Protein backbone atom coordinates (compact mmCIF):
# COMPACT_ATOMS: atom_id res chain seq x y z
CA MET A 1 0.02 0.00 0.30
CA LYS A 2 2.95 2.53 0.74
CA ALA A 3 4.28 1.85 -2.58
CA ILE A 4 0.90 2.74 -4.37
CA TRP A 5 0.19 5.56 -1.97
CA THR A 6 4.38 7.12 -2.66
CA ILE A 7 3.10 6.28 -6.60
CA ALA A 8 0.41 8.44 -6.37
CA VAL A 9 1.13 11.07 -4.34
CA ARG A 10 4.10 11.53 -7.32
CA GLU A 11 1.00 11.46 -9.87
CA TRP A 12 -0.28 14.46 -7.90
CA ARG A 13 2.18 16.65 -7.50
CA ALA A 14 3.03 15.93 -11.69
CA MET A 15 -0.05 16.90 -12.10
CA PHE A 16 0.03 20.18 -9.89
CA LEU A 17 3.67 20.98 -11.94
CA SER A 18 1.80 20.88 -15.22
CA PRO A 19 0.86 24.58 -16.70
CA LEU A 20 -1.39 22.08 -18.94
CA ALA A 21 -3.19 20.56 -15.63
CA TRP A 22 -3.52 23.91 -14.59
CA THR A 23 -4.43 25.58 -17.64
CA LEU A 24 -6.97 22.85 -18.52
CA LEU A 25 -8.53 23.71 -14.48
CA ALA A 26 -8.67 27.01 -15.24
CA VAL A 27 -10.83 26.81 -18.49
CA LEU A 28 -12.82 24.08 -17.45
CA PHE A 29 -13.60 26.69 -13.54
CA ALA A 30 -14.30 29.08 -16.33
CA ILE A 31 -16.77 27.33 -18.04
CA CYS A 32 -19.24 26.40 -15.25
CA ALA A 33 -19.08 29.53 -13.19
CA TYR A 34 -20.16 30.95 -16.56
CA MET A 35 -22.84 28.70 -17.27
CA PHE A 36 -24.08 28.61 -13.11
CA GLY A 37 -24.33 32.33 -13.48
CA THR A 38 -26.79 31.83 -16.58
CA LEU A 39 -28.96 29.38 -15.29
CA VAL A 40 -28.99 31.07 -11.62
CA GLN A 41 -30.45 34.33 -13.64
CA GLN A 42 -32.42 31.80 -15.83
CA TYR A 43 -33.98 31.09 -12.95
CA LEU A 44 -34.46 34.02 -11.26
CA LEU A 45 -36.40 34.82 -14.28
CA ARG A 46 -38.38 31.94 -14.55
CA GLN A 47 -39.43 32.01 -10.21
CA LEU A 48 -40.99 36.31 -11.20
CA GLN A 49 -42.32 34.23 -13.96
CA PHE A 50 -44.06 31.41 -11.85
CA GLN A 51 -44.46 33.94 -8.81
CA ALA A 52 -46.57 37.36 -11.64
CA TYR A 53 -48.80 34.00 -12.80
CA GLY A 54 -49.96 33.30 -8.96
CA GLN A 55 -48.31 29.78 -8.67
CA GLY A 56 -46.71 30.58 -5.61
CA MET A 57 -48.90 31.14 -3.77
CA GLY A 58 -48.36 29.79 -0.93
CA GLY A 59 -44.66 29.78 -0.45
CA GLY A 60 -44.39 26.88 -3.48
CA GLY A 61 -41.50 27.67 -5.89
CA LEU A 62 -39.86 26.84 -9.28
CA PRO A 63 -37.19 23.40 -7.41
CA LEU A 64 -33.75 25.66 -7.38
CA ALA A 65 -32.22 22.13 -7.12
CA GLU A 66 -33.97 20.81 -10.54
CA PHE A 67 -33.10 24.09 -12.52
CA THR A 68 -29.64 25.16 -11.59
CA VAL A 69 -27.09 22.17 -9.77
CA THR A 70 -28.67 19.59 -12.54
CA PRO A 71 -27.72 20.89 -15.37
CA LEU A 72 -25.02 22.45 -14.28
CA LEU A 73 -23.43 19.40 -13.65
CA GLY A 74 -25.33 17.48 -16.71
CA ASN A 75 -23.22 19.96 -18.58
CA ALA A 76 -19.82 19.76 -16.59
CA SER A 77 -19.62 16.19 -16.91
CA VAL A 78 -19.33 16.47 -21.16
CA LEU A 79 -17.02 19.11 -20.20
CA LEU A 80 -15.26 15.78 -17.82
CA LEU A 81 -15.11 13.71 -21.35
CA LEU A 82 -13.42 16.43 -23.35
CA ILE A 83 -10.49 17.28 -20.65
CA ILE A 84 -10.17 13.94 -18.59
CA PRO A 85 -8.60 12.31 -22.03
CA LEU A 86 -6.63 14.88 -22.30
CA ILE A 87 -4.39 15.09 -18.78
CA SER A 88 -4.88 11.03 -18.61
CA MET A 89 -2.23 10.77 -20.81
CA ARG A 90 0.02 11.23 -19.73
CA LEU A 91 -0.07 8.61 -17.28
CA ILE A 92 1.97 6.04 -18.87
CA ALA A 93 1.87 6.94 -22.86
CA ASP A 94 4.37 9.88 -22.01
CA GLU A 95 6.56 8.16 -19.95
CA LYS A 96 7.13 5.47 -22.32
CA ARG A 97 7.79 8.39 -24.95
CA ARG A 98 10.06 10.22 -22.55
CA GLY A 99 12.00 6.70 -21.81
CA THR A 100 10.74 6.74 -17.77
CA TRP A 101 9.71 4.24 -18.32
CA PRO A 102 11.68 0.63 -17.99
CA ALA A 103 12.54 2.74 -14.98
CA LEU A 104 9.62 2.29 -12.79
CA ALA A 105 8.29 -0.59 -15.65
CA THR A 106 11.20 -3.26 -14.40
CA SER A 107 10.77 -1.73 -10.21
CA PRO A 108 9.78 -4.62 -8.04
CA LEU A 109 6.25 -3.66 -8.01
CA SER A 110 3.87 -5.07 -9.41
CA PRO A 111 2.23 -4.39 -13.31
CA MET A 112 -0.86 -3.47 -10.41
CA GLN A 113 0.41 -1.67 -7.86
CA ILE A 114 2.02 0.68 -9.92
CA VAL A 115 -1.61 0.91 -12.39
CA LEU A 116 -3.35 1.49 -8.55
CA GLY A 117 -1.30 4.46 -7.84
CA LYS A 118 -1.18 6.11 -11.67
CA TYR A 119 -4.81 5.48 -11.12
CA LEU A 120 -5.26 6.71 -7.22
CA GLY A 121 -2.94 9.96 -8.35
CA LEU A 122 -5.35 10.86 -11.03
CA LEU A 123 -8.35 10.32 -9.21
CA LEU A 124 -7.08 12.46 -5.49
CA PHE A 125 -6.50 15.68 -8.71
CA LEU A 126 -10.37 14.77 -10.62
CA GLY A 127 -11.94 14.31 -6.56
CA VAL A 128 -10.04 18.76 -6.23
CA THR A 129 -12.07 19.19 -9.63
CA VAL A 130 -14.40 17.85 -8.58
CA LEU A 131 -14.68 19.94 -4.89
CA LEU A 132 -13.58 23.30 -7.53
CA ILE A 133 -16.73 22.39 -9.42
CA GLY A 134 -19.10 22.27 -6.68
CA LEU A 135 -18.18 24.56 -5.19
CA LEU A 136 -20.00 26.56 -7.41
CA PRO A 137 -23.78 25.30 -6.97
CA ALA A 138 -22.76 24.48 -3.17
CA THR A 139 -23.19 28.95 -3.06
CA LEU A 140 -26.77 28.21 -3.72
CA PHE A 141 -26.97 26.93 -0.10
CA ILE A 142 -26.18 30.57 1.37
CA TYR A 143 -28.64 31.84 -0.19
CA GLY A 144 -31.82 29.74 -1.24
CA HIS A 145 -32.93 26.37 -0.38
CA PRO A 146 -32.21 23.87 -2.67
CA ASP A 147 -33.13 19.95 -2.50
CA PRO A 148 -29.57 18.73 -0.29
CA GLY A 149 -30.10 15.09 -0.37
CA GLN A 150 -30.75 15.95 -4.39
CA PHE A 151 -27.74 18.40 -4.45
CA PHE A 152 -25.29 15.46 -2.60
CA ALA A 153 -26.79 12.77 -5.28
CA ALA A 154 -25.40 14.36 -9.22
CA MET A 155 -21.63 15.65 -7.19
CA LEU A 156 -21.76 11.40 -5.29
CA GLY A 157 -23.07 11.06 -9.75
CA LEU A 158 -19.99 12.79 -10.85
CA PHE A 159 -17.56 12.41 -9.43
CA MET A 160 -18.17 8.66 -9.88
CA VAL A 161 -18.76 9.75 -13.48
CA THR A 162 -14.88 11.47 -13.73
CA ALA A 163 -13.61 8.16 -11.79
CA THR A 164 -14.63 6.13 -14.27
CA PHE A 165 -13.31 8.65 -17.25
CA GLY A 166 -9.59 7.97 -15.76
CA ALA A 167 -9.23 4.74 -15.21
CA ILE A 168 -10.51 4.51 -18.79
CA GLY A 169 -8.24 7.48 -19.80
CA VAL A 170 -5.29 4.79 -17.38
CA GLY A 171 -6.73 1.48 -19.50
CA ALA A 172 -6.19 3.81 -22.69
CA SER A 173 -2.55 5.45 -21.57
CA SER A 174 -1.17 1.35 -21.41
CA ALA A 175 -2.13 0.38 -24.69
CA THR A 176 0.60 3.41 -26.48
CA ASP A 177 3.57 4.83 -26.58
CA ASN A 178 1.74 7.86 -27.83
CA PRO A 179 0.15 10.58 -25.76
CA VAL A 180 -1.88 12.23 -28.18
CA VAL A 181 -3.26 7.92 -29.65
CA ALA A 182 -3.82 7.52 -25.66
CA ALA A 183 -5.95 11.11 -26.19
CA VAL A 184 -7.34 9.49 -28.89
CA LEU A 185 -8.11 6.39 -27.49
CA THR A 186 -9.57 7.55 -24.27
CA PHE A 187 -12.68 9.66 -25.79
CA GLY A 188 -13.26 7.41 -28.39
CA ALA A 189 -14.49 4.80 -25.59
CA LEU A 190 -15.92 7.51 -23.55
CA LEU A 191 -17.91 8.75 -26.49
CA PHE A 192 -18.69 5.17 -26.85
CA LEU A 193 -20.26 5.36 -23.58
CA TRP A 194 -21.88 8.12 -23.37
CA ILE A 195 -24.08 7.38 -27.09
CA VAL A 196 -24.14 3.58 -27.00
CA GLY A 197 -28.27 3.87 -24.98
CA TRP A 198 -28.95 6.33 -28.25
CA LEU A 199 -29.54 1.68 -29.62
CA SER A 200 -31.46 1.28 -26.84
CA ASP A 201 -35.19 0.56 -26.22
CA PRO A 202 -36.49 -1.13 -23.44
CA GLY A 203 -38.89 -2.76 -25.32
CA ALA A 204 -36.38 -5.00 -26.87
CA GLY A 205 -35.11 -7.50 -25.06
CA GLY A 206 -31.67 -8.87 -25.96
CA THR A 207 -28.43 -7.08 -26.93
CA ILE A 208 -30.60 -3.95 -27.64
CA SER A 209 -31.71 -3.47 -23.98
CA ILE A 210 -28.52 -4.19 -22.95
CA LEU A 211 -26.76 -1.15 -25.05
CA GLY A 212 -28.84 1.12 -22.46
CA TYR A 213 -27.63 -0.72 -19.74
CA ALA A 214 -24.25 0.45 -21.13
CA SER A 215 -25.29 3.81 -21.10
CA LEU A 216 -23.27 5.88 -19.38
CA ILE A 217 -25.79 8.86 -19.27
CA ASP A 218 -28.39 6.80 -18.14
CA HIS A 219 -26.57 5.95 -15.02
CA TYR A 220 -25.64 9.99 -14.38
CA GLU A 221 -29.47 10.96 -15.10
CA LYS A 222 -30.66 9.03 -12.35
CA PHE A 223 -27.58 10.62 -9.72
CA LEU A 224 -27.88 13.89 -11.24
CA GLN A 225 -32.75 13.25 -10.42
CA GLY A 226 -31.31 13.32 -6.71
CA ILE A 227 -31.46 9.06 -7.11
CA VAL A 228 -28.67 7.15 -6.06
CA SER A 229 -29.17 3.55 -6.25
CA THR A 230 -26.66 -0.13 -6.21
CA ALA A 231 -26.80 -1.09 -9.95
CA ASP A 232 -26.31 2.46 -11.32
CA LEU A 233 -22.98 2.22 -8.41
CA ALA A 234 -21.57 -1.13 -9.47
CA TYR A 235 -22.31 0.17 -12.99
CA PHE A 236 -19.29 3.14 -12.46
CA VAL A 237 -17.19 -0.03 -11.10
CA ILE A 238 -17.53 -2.33 -12.58
CA VAL A 239 -16.35 -0.69 -15.74
CA SER A 240 -13.54 1.30 -13.11
CA ILE A 241 -11.92 -1.97 -13.04
CA ALA A 242 -12.76 -3.60 -16.34
CA GLY A 243 -10.83 0.41 -17.05
CA LEU A 244 -7.73 -1.55 -14.60
CA THR A 245 -8.24 -4.78 -15.30
CA PHE A 246 -6.86 -3.57 -19.17
CA ALA A 247 -3.72 -1.82 -18.12
CA ARG A 248 -2.45 -4.57 -15.69
CA GLN A 249 -2.70 -6.68 -18.82
CA ARG A 250 -0.76 -4.24 -20.68
CA LEU A 251 1.43 -4.37 -19.12
CA MET A 252 1.86 -7.53 -17.71
CA ALA A 253 1.92 -7.99 -21.65
CA GLN A 254 4.97 -5.59 -21.66
CA ARG A 255 7.15 -7.16 -19.10
CA VAL A 256 6.93 -10.65 -20.37
CA GLU A 257 7.92 -9.16 -24.07
CA GLY A 258 10.74 -6.58 -22.18
CA PHE A 259 8.95 -4.03 -22.89
């Protein structure tokens, strides 16, 4: 465990020393802040219209979380789908390109320890990213009364989505020594999981209905609605384990082949 943690801290520090990571974080936060401000303005306008027609009598009103938190975190996941491949591509592929990989690959560490260390370092970085995004809707608790259950469920969903994106990124980074190719592979895999549900038909059964379960966005939308279920959590854990297992198998094969 100590070896995994050492690799994780090394990766985490390397990411925060990278100008690319800081640039991506700044761009992501700026876009999210703009979207959040726009959503709040739209909510206030709709709330005024709602009350003007006398529908807000009795202390009722439009659900704040549904009009602000849900669309913000939904759009944030799309931005992360674009950004995470650019961050995860360097984890293993860039080490191969720079020639530092043989030193780590020939160390006494097992492939799984290397993979988990890299992934944990990425996860720490992505956890900070999710917290930064979450600070925006968290300010709503100062001025309003958003549904706390829906807020925390949506935040959990965003973290699970981000962790899954990262695991797939680690797997893609292990498959090549070209960081750009790793980023393209990651983006292609994430995009496939995002849109695969478009082909599903709940009433069709068989393979078509399985596509619905494979759809990442279908599971994420339930978190955004405030629904946390074991099946949805299991989906993200299974996909993450698949990505990390693929990376482990690739590293084992590369050790046998003499990388």
